[in-house]
């Protein structure tokens, strides 16, 4: 592990300009990056979700989580964004400069 960590920190980054988040099958391992002129990262999680399992039961909580994630993903995609990750009750998306700035803010507020 030490050797790989040293290699990661020792390699230069290869960057290229872009305005689209790559699909997972097009991701490259290593120090490779796409640079955006402007992008909005939207990170949203469900407030109070930890207590939801304790107070309402896991099946109801799971239904709430799935509904929330479905709706959040639809909003992000409807504004021209890309989903970059899901983690439990959290979703992260990127809206590139191709999306109008007011639309990016609107997606965050919705």
PDB file of N, CA and C in Angstrom:
ATOM      1  N   UNK A   1       0.817  -1.194   0.000  1.00  0.00           N
ATOM      2  CA  UNK A   1       0.000   0.000   0.000  1.00  0.00           C
ATOM      3  C   UNK A   1       0.861   1.259   0.000  1.00  0.00           C
ATOM      4  N   UNK A   2       1.920   1.245   0.777  1.00  0.00           N
ATOM      5  CA  UNK A   2       2.756   2.446   0.843  1.00  0.00           C
ATOM      6  C   UNK A   2       3.297   2.827  -0.533  1.00  0.00           C
ATOM      7  N   UNK A   3       3.686   1.831  -1.293  1.00  0.00           N
ATOM      8  CA  UNK A   3       4.217   2.099  -2.625  1.00  0.00           C
ATOM      9  C   UNK A   3       3.173   2.722  -3.546  1.00  0.00           C
ATOM     10  N   UNK A   4       1.944   2.212  -3.482  1.00  0.00           N
ATOM     11  CA  UNK A   4       0.874   2.753  -4.329  1.00  0.00           C
ATOM     12  C   UNK A   4       0.509   4.172  -3.915  1.00  0.00           C
ATOM     13  N   UNK A   5       0.466   4.420  -2.594  1.00  0.00           N
ATOM     14  CA  UNK A   5       0.165   5.767  -2.108  1.00  0.00           C
ATOM     15  C   UNK A   5       1.248   6.739  -2.564  1.00  0.00           C
ATOM     16  N   UNK A   6       2.492   6.332  -2.458  1.00  0.00           N
ATOM     17  CA  UNK A   6       3.596   7.183  -2.900  1.00  0.00           C
ATOM     18  C   UNK A   6       3.489   7.469  -4.393  1.00  0.00           C
ATOM     19  N   UNK A   7       3.124   6.443  -5.168  1.00  0.00           N
ATOM     20  CA  UNK A   7       2.956   6.607  -6.615  1.00  0.00           C
ATOM     21  C   UNK A   7       1.838   7.596  -6.930  1.00  0.00           C
ATOM     22  N   UNK A   8       0.716   7.476  -6.243  1.00  0.00           N
ATOM     23  CA  UNK A   8      -0.427   8.371  -6.475  1.00  0.00           C
ATOM     24  C   UNK A   8      -0.036   9.821  -6.211  1.00  0.00           C
ATOM     25  N   UNK A   9       0.647  10.055  -5.100  1.00  0.00           N
ATOM     26  CA  UNK A   9       1.019  11.426  -4.757  1.00  0.00           C
ATOM     27  C   UNK A   9       2.190  11.936  -5.589  1.00  0.00           C
ATOM     28  N   UNK A  10       2.958  11.032  -6.195  1.00  0.00           N
ATOM     29  CA  UNK A  10       4.119  11.432  -6.981  1.00  0.00           C
ATOM     30  C   UNK A  10       3.812  11.703  -8.439  1.00  0.00           C
ATOM     31  N   UNK A  11       2.710  11.143  -8.958  1.00  0.00           N
ATOM     32  CA  UNK A  11       2.375  11.324 -10.367  1.00  0.00           C
ATOM     33  C   UNK A  11       1.747  12.690 -10.620  1.00  0.00           C
ATOM     34  N   UNK A  12       2.044  13.235 -11.780  1.00  0.00           N
ATOM     35  CA  UNK A  12       1.409  14.486 -12.193  1.00  0.00           C
ATOM     36  C   UNK A  12      -0.016  14.197 -12.642  1.00  0.00           C
ATOM     37  N   UNK A  13      -0.856  15.193 -12.534  1.00  0.00           N
ATOM     38  CA  UNK A  13      -2.231  15.077 -12.997  1.00  0.00           C
ATOM     39  C   UNK A  13      -2.286  15.346 -14.492  1.00  0.00           C
ATOM     40  N   UNK A  14      -3.043  14.548 -15.194  1.00  0.00           N
ATOM     41  CA  UNK A  14      -3.341  14.776 -16.606  1.00  0.00           C
ATOM     42  C   UNK A  14      -4.744  15.365 -16.654  1.00  0.00           C
ATOM     43  N   UNK A  15      -4.867  16.558 -17.205  1.00  0.00           N
ATOM     44  CA  UNK A  15      -6.176  17.215 -17.252  1.00  0.00           C
ATOM     45  C   UNK A  15      -6.566  17.515 -18.697  1.00  0.00           C
ATOM     46  N   UNK A  16      -7.870  17.599 -18.895  1.00  0.00           N
ATOM     47  CA  UNK A  16      -8.408  17.997 -20.190  1.00  0.00           C
ATOM     48  C   UNK A  16      -9.646  18.846 -19.933  1.00  0.00           C
ATOM     49  N   UNK A  17      -9.905  19.766 -20.829  1.00  0.00           N
ATOM     50  CA  UNK A  17     -11.091  20.608 -20.700  1.00  0.00           C
ATOM     51  C   UNK A  17     -12.332  19.798 -21.045  1.00  0.00           C
ATOM     52  N   UNK A  18     -13.417  20.113 -20.393  1.00  0.00           N
ATOM     53  CA  UNK A  18     -14.666  19.426 -20.683  1.00  0.00           C
ATOM     54  C   UNK A  18     -15.844  20.145 -20.080  1.00  0.00           C
ATOM     55  N   UNK A  19     -17.028  19.723 -20.490  1.00  0.00           N
ATOM     56  CA  UNK A  19     -18.245  20.294 -19.914  1.00  0.00           C
ATOM     57  C   UNK A  19     -19.296  19.219 -19.667  1.00  0.00           C
ATOM     58  N   UNK A  20     -18.851  17.959 -19.706  1.00  0.00           N
ATOM     59  CA  UNK A  20     -19.749  16.843 -19.464  1.00  0.00           C
ATOM     60  C   UNK A  20     -19.101  15.899 -18.462  1.00  0.00           C
ATOM     61  N   UNK A  21     -19.870  15.476 -17.467  1.00  0.00           N
ATOM     62  CA  UNK A  21     -19.385  14.480 -16.510  1.00  0.00           C
ATOM     63  C   UNK A  21     -19.339  13.147 -17.243  1.00  0.00           C
ATOM     64  N   UNK A  22     -18.202  12.445 -17.202  1.00  0.00           N
ATOM     65  CA  UNK A  22     -18.116  11.194 -17.946  1.00  0.00           C
ATOM     66  C   UNK A  22     -18.992  10.100 -17.338  1.00  0.00           C
ATOM     67  N   UNK A  23     -19.471   9.205 -18.205  1.00  0.00           N
ATOM     68  CA  UNK A  23     -20.192   8.029 -17.732  1.00  0.00           C
ATOM     69  C   UNK A  23     -19.210   7.125 -17.004  1.00  0.00           C
ATOM     70  N   UNK A  24     -19.698   6.326 -16.048  1.00  0.00           N
ATOM     71  CA  UNK A  24     -18.790   5.466 -15.268  1.00  0.00           C
ATOM     72  C   UNK A  24     -17.861   4.600 -16.117  1.00  0.00           C
ATOM     73  N   UNK A  25     -18.359   4.082 -17.237  1.00  0.00           N
ATOM     74  CA  UNK A  25     -17.507   3.218 -18.069  1.00  0.00           C
ATOM     75  C   UNK A  25     -16.400   4.002 -18.779  1.00  0.00           C
ATOM     76  N   UNK A  26     -16.481   5.332 -18.775  1.00  0.00           N
ATOM     77  CA  UNK A  26     -15.458   6.159 -19.402  1.00  0.00           C
ATOM     78  C   UNK A  26     -14.489   6.782 -18.397  1.00  0.00           C
ATOM     79  N   UNK A  27     -14.633   6.433 -17.126  1.00  0.00           N
ATOM     80  CA  UNK A  27     -13.720   6.966 -16.117  1.00  0.00           C
ATOM     81  C   UNK A  27     -12.363   6.296 -16.243  1.00  0.00           C
ATOM     82  N   UNK A  28     -11.339   7.054 -15.996  1.00  0.00           N
ATOM     83  CA  UNK A  28      -9.978   6.531 -16.040  1.00  0.00           C
ATOM     84  C   UNK A  28      -9.436   6.492 -14.622  1.00  0.00           C
ATOM     85  N   UNK A  29      -8.757   5.430 -14.298  1.00  0.00           N
ATOM     86  CA  UNK A  29      -8.104   5.353 -12.993  1.00  0.00           C
ATOM     87  C   UNK A  29      -6.794   6.122 -13.056  1.00  0.00           C
ATOM     88  N   UNK A  30      -6.369   6.596 -11.936  1.00  0.00           N
ATOM     89  CA  UNK A  30      -5.136   7.356 -11.893  1.00  0.00           C
ATOM     90  C   UNK A  30      -5.404   8.834 -11.736  1.00  0.00           C
ATOM     91  N   UNK A  31      -4.360   9.610 -11.932  1.00  0.00           N
ATOM     92  CA  UNK A  31      -4.450  11.057 -11.775  1.00  0.00           C
ATOM     93  C   UNK A  31      -4.897  11.679 -13.091  1.00  0.00           C
ATOM     94  N   UNK A  32      -6.162  11.473 -13.417  1.00  0.00           N
ATOM     95  CA  UNK A  32      -6.761  11.953 -14.652  1.00  0.00           C
ATOM     96  C   UNK A  32      -7.993  12.758 -14.288  1.00  0.00           C
ATOM     97  N   UNK A  33      -8.137  13.946 -14.878  1.00  0.00           N
ATOM     98  CA  UNK A  33      -9.253  14.802 -14.493  1.00  0.00           C
ATOM     99  C   UNK A  33      -9.774  15.602 -15.671  1.00  0.00           C
ATOM    100  N   UNK A  34     -11.039  15.929 -15.587  1.00  0.00           N
ATOM    101  CA  UNK A  34     -11.653  16.862 -16.520  1.00  0.00           C
ATOM    102  C   UNK A  34     -11.810  18.182 -15.784  1.00  0.00           C
ATOM    103  N   UNK A  35     -11.365  19.252 -16.416  1.00  0.00           N
ATOM    104  CA  UNK A  35     -11.514  20.573 -15.812  1.00  0.00           C
ATOM    105  C   UNK A  35     -12.712  21.281 -16.439  1.00  0.00           C
ATOM    106  N   UNK A  36     -13.602  21.748 -15.576  1.00  0.00           N
ATOM    107  CA  UNK A  36     -14.763  22.520 -15.998  1.00  0.00           C
ATOM    108  C   UNK A  36     -14.460  23.999 -15.800  1.00  0.00           C
ATOM    109  N   UNK A  37     -14.921  24.834 -16.726  1.00  0.00           N
ATOM    110  CA  UNK A  37     -14.800  26.277 -16.507  1.00  0.00           C
ATOM    111  C   UNK A  37     -15.656  26.670 -15.312  1.00  0.00           C
ATOM    112  N   UNK A  38     -16.855  26.107 -15.269  1.00  0.00           N
ATOM    113  CA  UNK A  38     -17.769  26.394 -14.171  1.00  0.00           C
ATOM    114  C   UNK A  38     -18.700  25.201 -14.016  1.00  0.00           C
ATOM    115  N   UNK A  39     -18.914  24.793 -12.794  1.00  0.00           N
ATOM    116  CA  UNK A  39     -19.843  23.698 -12.518  1.00  0.00           C
ATOM    117  C   UNK A  39     -20.399  23.877 -11.114  1.00  0.00           C
ATOM    118  N   UNK A  40     -21.581  23.374 -10.912  1.00  0.00           N
ATOM    119  CA  UNK A  40     -22.207  23.401  -9.601  1.00  0.00           C
ATOM    120  C   UNK A  40     -22.316  21.973  -9.105  1.00  0.00           C
ATOM    121  N   UNK A  41     -21.784  21.729  -7.915  1.00  0.00           N
ATOM    122  CA  UNK A  41     -21.903  20.416  -7.297  1.00  0.00           C
ATOM    123  C   UNK A  41     -23.046  20.502  -6.296  1.00  0.00           C
ATOM    124  N   UNK A  42     -24.027  19.640  -6.487  1.00  0.00           N
ATOM    125  CA  UNK A  42     -25.180  19.607  -5.597  1.00  0.00           C
ATOM    126  C   UNK A  42     -25.079  18.339  -4.754  1.00  0.00           C
ATOM    127  N   UNK A  43     -25.029  18.513  -3.458  1.00  0.00           N
ATOM    128  CA  UNK A  43     -24.938  17.396  -2.518  1.00  0.00           C
ATOM    129  C   UNK A  43     -26.117  17.536  -1.569  1.00  0.00           C
ATOM    130  N   UNK A  44     -26.994  16.560  -1.579  1.00  0.00           N
ATOM    131  CA  UNK A  44     -28.208  16.673  -0.769  1.00  0.00           C
ATOM    132  C   UNK A  44     -28.442  15.388   0.008  1.00  0.00           C
ATOM    133  N   UNK A  45     -28.817  15.547   1.259  1.00  0.00           N
ATOM    134  CA  UNK A  45     -29.195  14.372   2.038  1.00  0.00           C
ATOM    135  C   UNK A  45     -30.514  14.640   2.744  1.00  0.00           C
ATOM    136  N   UNK A  46     -31.098  13.584   3.218  1.00  0.00           N
ATOM    137  CA  UNK A  46     -32.410  13.624   3.833  1.00  0.00           C
ATOM    138  C   UNK A  46     -32.265  13.934   5.320  1.00  0.00           C
ATOM    139  N   UNK A  47     -32.715  15.089   5.740  1.00  0.00           N
ATOM    140  CA  UNK A  47     -32.608  15.512   7.132  1.00  0.00           C
ATOM    141  C   UNK A  47     -33.411  14.589   8.046  1.00  0.00           C
ATOM    142  N   UNK A  48     -32.799  14.178   9.142  1.00  0.00           N
ATOM    143  CA  UNK A  48     -33.482  13.361  10.138  1.00  0.00           C
ATOM    144  C   UNK A  48     -33.650  11.908   9.763  1.00  0.00           C
ATOM    145  N   UNK A  49     -32.948  11.456   8.744  1.00  0.00           N
ATOM    146  CA  UNK A  49     -33.162  10.090   8.269  1.00  0.00           C
ATOM    147  C   UNK A  49     -32.679   9.026   9.243  1.00  0.00           C
ATOM    148  N   UNK A  50     -31.671   9.317  10.025  1.00  0.00           N
ATOM    149  CA  UNK A  50     -31.171   8.330  10.981  1.00  0.00           C
ATOM    150  C   UNK A  50     -32.247   7.980  12.002  1.00  0.00           C
ATOM    151  N   UNK A  51     -32.935   8.967  12.512  1.00  0.00           N
ATOM    152  CA  UNK A  51     -33.992   8.722  13.486  1.00  0.00           C
ATOM    153  C   UNK A  51     -35.224   8.078  12.870  1.00  0.00           C
ATOM    154  N   UNK A  52     -35.396   8.241  11.578  1.00  0.00           N
ATOM    155  CA  UNK A  52     -36.555   7.690  10.892  1.00  0.00           C
ATOM    156  C   UNK A  52     -36.633   6.168  11.052  1.00  0.00           C
ATOM    157  N   UNK A  53     -35.494   5.494  10.957  1.00  0.00           N
ATOM    158  CA  UNK A  53     -35.466   4.038  11.109  1.00  0.00           C
ATOM    159  C   UNK A  53     -35.896   3.653  12.517  1.00  0.00           C
ATOM    160  N   UNK A  54     -35.418   4.389  13.508  1.00  0.00           N
ATOM    161  CA  UNK A  54     -35.745   4.073  14.904  1.00  0.00           C
ATOM    162  C   UNK A  54     -37.207   4.335  15.236  1.00  0.00           C
ATOM    163  N   UNK A  55     -37.752   5.402  14.680  1.00  0.00           N
ATOM    164  CA  UNK A  55     -39.111   5.784  15.062  1.00  0.00           C
ATOM    165  C   UNK A  55     -40.200   5.187  14.186  1.00  0.00           C
ATOM    166  N   UNK A  56     -39.881   4.903  12.913  1.00  0.00           N
ATOM    167  CA  UNK A  56     -40.915   4.442  11.992  1.00  0.00           C
ATOM    168  C   UNK A  56     -40.705   3.034  11.452  1.00  0.00           C
ATOM    169  N   UNK A  57     -39.540   2.469  11.675  1.00  0.00           N
ATOM    170  CA  UNK A  57     -39.251   1.134  11.155  1.00  0.00           C
ATOM    171  C   UNK A  57     -38.499   1.186   9.843  1.00  0.00           C
ATOM    172  N   UNK A  58     -37.759   0.124   9.574  1.00  0.00           N
ATOM    173  CA  UNK A  58     -36.859   0.133   8.430  1.00  0.00           C
ATOM    174  C   UNK A  58     -37.584   0.096   7.093  1.00  0.00           C
ATOM    175  N   UNK A  59     -38.719  -0.567   6.990  1.00  0.00           N
ATOM    176  CA  UNK A  59     -39.389  -0.647   5.683  1.00  0.00           C
ATOM    177  C   UNK A  59     -39.947   0.713   5.266  1.00  0.00           C
ATOM    178  N   UNK A  60     -40.544   1.422   6.214  1.00  0.00           N
ATOM    179  CA  UNK A  60     -41.057   2.755   5.908  1.00  0.00           C
ATOM    180  C   UNK A  60     -39.898   3.693   5.581  1.00  0.00           C
ATOM    181  N   UNK A  61     -38.826   3.604   6.362  1.00  0.00           N
ATOM    182  CA  UNK A  61     -37.652   4.439   6.107  1.00  0.00           C
ATOM    183  C   UNK A  61     -37.086   4.161   4.719  1.00  0.00           C
ATOM    184  N   UNK A  62     -37.026   2.895   4.333  1.00  0.00           N
ATOM    185  CA  UNK A  62     -36.513   2.537   3.012  1.00  0.00           C
ATOM    186  C   UNK A  62     -37.385   3.131   1.912  1.00  0.00           C
ATOM    187  N   UNK A  63     -38.696   3.116   2.104  1.00  0.00           N
ATOM    188  CA  UNK A  63     -39.603   3.705   1.116  1.00  0.00           C
ATOM    189  C   UNK A  63     -39.382   5.211   1.000  1.00  0.00           C
ATOM    190  N   UNK A  64     -39.173   5.863   2.127  1.00  0.00           N
ATOM    191  CA  UNK A  64     -38.900   7.305   2.124  1.00  0.00           C
ATOM    192  C   UNK A  64     -37.577   7.576   1.417  1.00  0.00           C
ATOM    193  N   UNK A  65     -36.531   6.808   1.737  1.00  0.00           N
ATOM    194  CA  UNK A  65     -35.221   6.989   1.108  1.00  0.00           C
ATOM    195  C   UNK A  65     -35.329   6.835  -0.399  1.00  0.00           C
ATOM    196  N   UNK A  66     -35.962   5.754  -0.849  1.00  0.00           N
ATOM    197  CA  UNK A  66     -36.071   5.498  -2.289  1.00  0.00           C
ATOM    198  C   UNK A  66     -36.846   6.617  -2.982  1.00  0.00           C
ATOM    199  N   UNK A  67     -37.925   7.077  -2.367  1.00  0.00           N
ATOM    200  CA  UNK A  67     -38.724   8.153  -2.957  1.00  0.00           C
ATOM    201  C   UNK A  67     -37.907   9.438  -3.051  1.00  0.00           C
ATOM    202  N   UNK A  68     -37.206   9.766  -1.979  1.00  0.00           N
ATOM    203  CA  UNK A  68     -36.376  10.969  -1.949  1.00  0.00           C
ATOM    204  C   UNK A  68     -35.296  10.918  -3.020  1.00  0.00           C
ATOM    205  N   UNK A  69     -34.577   9.797  -3.101  1.00  0.00           N
ATOM    206  CA  UNK A  69     -33.492   9.679  -4.068  1.00  0.00           C
ATOM    207  C   UNK A  69     -34.013   9.718  -5.505  1.00  0.00           C
ATOM    208  N   UNK A  70     -35.155   9.093  -5.738  1.00  0.00           N
ATOM    209  CA  UNK A  70     -35.762   9.120  -7.063  1.00  0.00           C
ATOM    210  C   UNK A  70     -36.095  10.556  -7.466  1.00  0.00           C
ATOM    211  N   UNK A  71     -36.757  11.280  -6.574  1.00  0.00           N
ATOM    212  CA  UNK A  71     -37.151  12.666  -6.879  1.00  0.00           C
ATOM    213  C   UNK A  71     -35.934  13.573  -7.044  1.00  0.00           C
ATOM    214  N   UNK A  72     -34.951  13.433  -6.169  1.00  0.00           N
ATOM    215  CA  UNK A  72     -33.743  14.262  -6.261  1.00  0.00           C
ATOM    216  C   UNK A  72     -33.013  14.009  -7.576  1.00  0.00           C
ATOM    217  N   UNK A  73     -32.903  12.753  -7.972  1.00  0.00           N
ATOM    218  CA  UNK A  73     -32.233  12.421  -9.232  1.00  0.00           C
ATOM    219  C   UNK A  73     -32.995  12.989 -10.427  1.00  0.00           C
ATOM    220  N   UNK A  74     -34.308  12.907 -10.388  1.00  0.00           N
ATOM    221  CA  UNK A  74     -35.123  13.455 -11.490  1.00  0.00           C
ATOM    222  C   UNK A  74     -34.909  14.963 -11.611  1.00  0.00           C
ATOM    223  N   UNK A  75     -34.851  15.664 -10.478  1.00  0.00           N
ATOM    224  CA  UNK A  75     -34.636  17.115 -10.505  1.00  0.00           C
ATOM    225  C   UNK A  75     -33.263  17.437 -11.075  1.00  0.00           C
ATOM    226  N   UNK A  76     -32.235  16.757 -10.598  1.00  0.00           N
ATOM    227  CA  UNK A  76     -30.874  17.016 -11.082  1.00  0.00           C
ATOM    228  C   UNK A  76     -30.798  16.782 -12.592  1.00  0.00           C
ATOM    229  N   UNK A  77     -31.329  15.658 -13.037  1.00  0.00           N
ATOM    230  CA  UNK A  77     -31.275  15.342 -14.475  1.00  0.00           C
ATOM    231  C   UNK A  77     -32.144  16.290 -15.296  1.00  0.00           C
ATOM    232  N   UNK A  78     -33.288  16.722 -14.737  1.00  0.00           N
ATOM    233  CA  UNK A  78     -34.173  17.617 -15.491  1.00  0.00           C
ATOM    234  C   UNK A  78     -33.523  18.970 -15.754  1.00  0.00           C
ATOM    235  N   UNK A  79     -32.539  19.323 -14.952  1.00  0.00           N
ATOM    236  CA  UNK A  79     -31.835  20.595 -15.124  1.00  0.00           C
ATOM    237  C   UNK A  79     -30.514  20.417 -15.868  1.00  0.00           C
ATOM    238  N   UNK A  80     -30.331  19.252 -16.496  1.00  0.00           N
ATOM    239  CA  UNK A  80     -29.125  19.013 -17.286  1.00  0.00           C
ATOM    240  C   UNK A  80     -27.951  18.491 -16.497  1.00  0.00           C
ATOM    241  N   UNK A  81     -28.187  18.067 -15.261  1.00  0.00           N
ATOM    242  CA  UNK A  81     -27.106  17.574 -14.420  1.00  0.00           C
ATOM    243  C   UNK A  81     -26.877  16.089 -14.565  1.00  0.00           C
ATOM    244  N   UNK A  82     -25.784  15.641 -13.969  1.00  0.00           N
ATOM    245  CA  UNK A  82     -25.407  14.227 -13.944  1.00  0.00           C
ATOM    246  C   UNK A  82     -25.296  13.770 -12.503  1.00  0.00           C
ATOM    247  N   UNK A  83     -25.801  12.595 -12.218  1.00  0.00           N
ATOM    248  CA  UNK A  83     -25.642  12.002 -10.889  1.00  0.00           C
ATOM    249  C   UNK A  83     -24.240  11.419 -10.812  1.00  0.00           C
ATOM    250  N   UNK A  84     -23.490  11.800  -9.786  1.00  0.00           N
ATOM    251  CA  UNK A  84     -22.132  11.272  -9.644  1.00  0.00           C
ATOM    252  C   UNK A  84     -22.024  10.252  -8.531  1.00  0.00           C
ATOM    253  N   UNK A  85     -22.966  10.259  -7.578  1.00  0.00           N
ATOM    254  CA  UNK A  85     -22.925   9.219  -6.553  1.00  0.00           C
ATOM    255  C   UNK A  85     -24.189   9.220  -5.702  1.00  0.00           C
ATOM    256  N   UNK A  86     -24.439   8.060  -5.151  1.00  0.00           N
ATOM    257  CA  UNK A  86     -25.461   7.861  -4.121  1.00  0.00           C
ATOM    258  C   UNK A  86     -24.744   7.259  -2.925  1.00  0.00           C
ATOM    259  N   UNK A  87     -25.146   7.632  -1.742  1.00  0.00           N
ATOM    260  CA  UNK A  87     -24.579   7.052  -0.530  1.00  0.00           C
ATOM    261  C   UNK A  87     -25.645   7.083   0.545  1.00  0.00           C
ATOM    262  N   UNK A  88     -26.298   5.949   0.761  1.00  0.00           N
ATOM    263  CA  UNK A  88     -27.371   5.902   1.753  1.00  0.00           C
ATOM    264  C   UNK A  88     -28.502   6.814   1.340  1.00  0.00           C
ATOM    265  N   UNK A  89     -28.734   7.849   2.142  1.00  0.00           N
ATOM    266  CA  UNK A  89     -29.816   8.805   1.852  1.00  0.00           C
ATOM    267  C   UNK A  89     -29.291  10.062   1.163  1.00  0.00           C
ATOM    268  N   UNK A  90     -28.094   9.993   0.596  1.00  0.00           N
ATOM    269  CA  UNK A  90     -27.477  11.168  -0.018  1.00  0.00           C
ATOM    270  C   UNK A  90     -27.313  10.966  -1.520  1.00  0.00           C
ATOM    271  N   UNK A  91     -27.400  12.073  -2.233  1.00  0.00           N
ATOM    272  CA  UNK A  91     -27.165  12.070  -3.677  1.00  0.00           C
ATOM    273  C   UNK A  91     -26.256  13.251  -4.003  1.00  0.00           C
ATOM    274  N   UNK A  92     -25.351  13.029  -4.950  1.00  0.00           N
ATOM    275  CA  UNK A  92     -24.492  14.114  -5.398  1.00  0.00           C
ATOM    276  C   UNK A  92     -24.596  14.191  -6.916  1.00  0.00           C
ATOM    277  N   UNK A  93     -24.753  15.388  -7.413  1.00  0.00           N
ATOM    278  CA  UNK A  93     -24.833  15.614  -8.841  1.00  0.00           C
ATOM    279  C   UNK A  93     -23.998  16.808  -9.237  1.00  0.00           C
ATOM    280  N   UNK A  94     -23.671  16.865 -10.517  1.00  0.00           N
ATOM    281  CA  UNK A  94     -22.914  17.983 -11.060  1.00  0.00           C
ATOM    282  C   UNK A  94     -23.717  18.585 -12.200  1.00  0.00           C
ATOM    283  N   UNK A  95     -23.882  19.892 -12.145  1.00  0.00           N
ATOM    284  CA  UNK A  95     -24.525  20.645 -13.218  1.00  0.00           C
ATOM    285  C   UNK A  95     -23.437  21.509 -13.839  1.00  0.00           C
ATOM    286  N   UNK A  96     -23.131  21.253 -15.091  1.00  0.00           N
ATOM    287  CA  UNK A  96     -22.034  21.959 -15.745  1.00  0.00           C
ATOM    288  C   UNK A  96     -22.469  23.347 -16.175  1.00  0.00           C
ATOM    289  N   UNK A  97     -21.508  24.075 -16.730  1.00  0.00           N
ATOM    290  CA  UNK A  97     -21.809  25.441 -17.173  1.00  0.00           C
ATOM    291  C   UNK A  97     -22.819  25.458 -18.298  1.00  0.00           C
ATOM    292  N   UNK A  98     -23.054  24.309 -18.931  1.00  0.00           N
ATOM    293  CA  UNK A  98     -24.060  24.242 -19.989  1.00  0.00           C
ATOM    294  C   UNK A  98     -25.454  24.520 -19.429  1.00  0.00           C
ATOM    295  N   UNK A  99     -25.641  24.205 -18.152  1.00  0.00           N
ATOM    296  CA  UNK A  99     -26.928  24.490 -17.509  1.00  0.00           C
ATOM    297  C   UNK A  99     -26.947  25.955 -17.096  1.00  0.00           C
ATOM    298  N   UNK A 100     -28.020  26.630 -17.372  1.00  0.00           N
ATOM    299  CA  UNK A 100     -28.204  28.019 -16.995  1.00  0.00           C
ATOM    300  C   UNK A 100     -28.015  28.162 -15.479  1.00  0.00           C
ATOM    301  N   UNK A 101     -27.338  29.230 -15.057  1.00  0.00           N
ATOM    302  CA  UNK A 101     -27.044  29.434 -13.640  1.00  0.00           C
ATOM    303  C   UNK A 101     -28.312  29.447 -12.794  1.00  0.00           C
ATOM    304  N   UNK A 102     -29.360  30.107 -13.258  1.00  0.00           N
ATOM    305  CA  UNK A 102     -30.589  30.145 -12.472  1.00  0.00           C
ATOM    306  C   UNK A 102     -31.215  28.759 -12.379  1.00  0.00           C
ATOM    307  N   UNK A 103     -31.047  27.931 -13.409  1.00  0.00           N
ATOM    308  CA  UNK A 103     -31.548  26.557 -13.342  1.00  0.00           C
ATOM    309  C   UNK A 103     -30.777  25.746 -12.308  1.00  0.00           C
ATOM    310  N   UNK A 104     -29.476  25.988 -12.226  1.00  0.00           N
ATOM    311  CA  UNK A 104     -28.669  25.268 -11.235  1.00  0.00           C
ATOM    312  C   UNK A 104     -29.125  25.621  -9.819  1.00  0.00           C
ATOM    313  N   UNK A 105     -29.364  26.882  -9.584  1.00  0.00           N
ATOM    314  CA  UNK A 105     -29.857  27.285  -8.261  1.00  0.00           C
ATOM    315  C   UNK A 105     -31.251  26.723  -8.018  1.00  0.00           C
ATOM    316  N   UNK A 106     -32.068  26.729  -9.054  1.00  0.00           N
ATOM    317  CA  UNK A 106     -33.429  26.185  -8.931  1.00  0.00           C
ATOM    318  C   UNK A 106     -33.417  24.718  -8.577  1.00  0.00           C
ATOM    319  N   UNK A 107     -32.499  23.959  -9.191  1.00  0.00           N
ATOM    320  CA  UNK A 107     -32.397  22.536  -8.876  1.00  0.00           C
ATOM    321  C   UNK A 107     -32.016  22.339  -7.419  1.00  0.00           C
ATOM    322  N   UNK A 108     -31.117  23.165  -6.926  1.00  0.00           N
ATOM    323  CA  UNK A 108     -30.697  23.054  -5.520  1.00  0.00           C
ATOM    324  C   UNK A 108     -31.838  23.352  -4.570  1.00  0.00           C
ATOM    325  N   UNK A 109     -32.656  24.326  -4.909  1.00  0.00           N
ATOM    326  CA  UNK A 109     -33.757  24.707  -4.026  1.00  0.00           C
ATOM    327  C   UNK A 109     -34.925  23.727  -4.082  1.00  0.00           C
ATOM    328  N   UNK A 110     -35.147  23.121  -5.243  1.00  0.00           N
ATOM    329  CA  UNK A 110     -36.262  22.172  -5.373  1.00  0.00           C
ATOM    330  C   UNK A 110     -35.995  20.950  -4.546  1.00  0.00           C
TER     331      UNK A 110
END
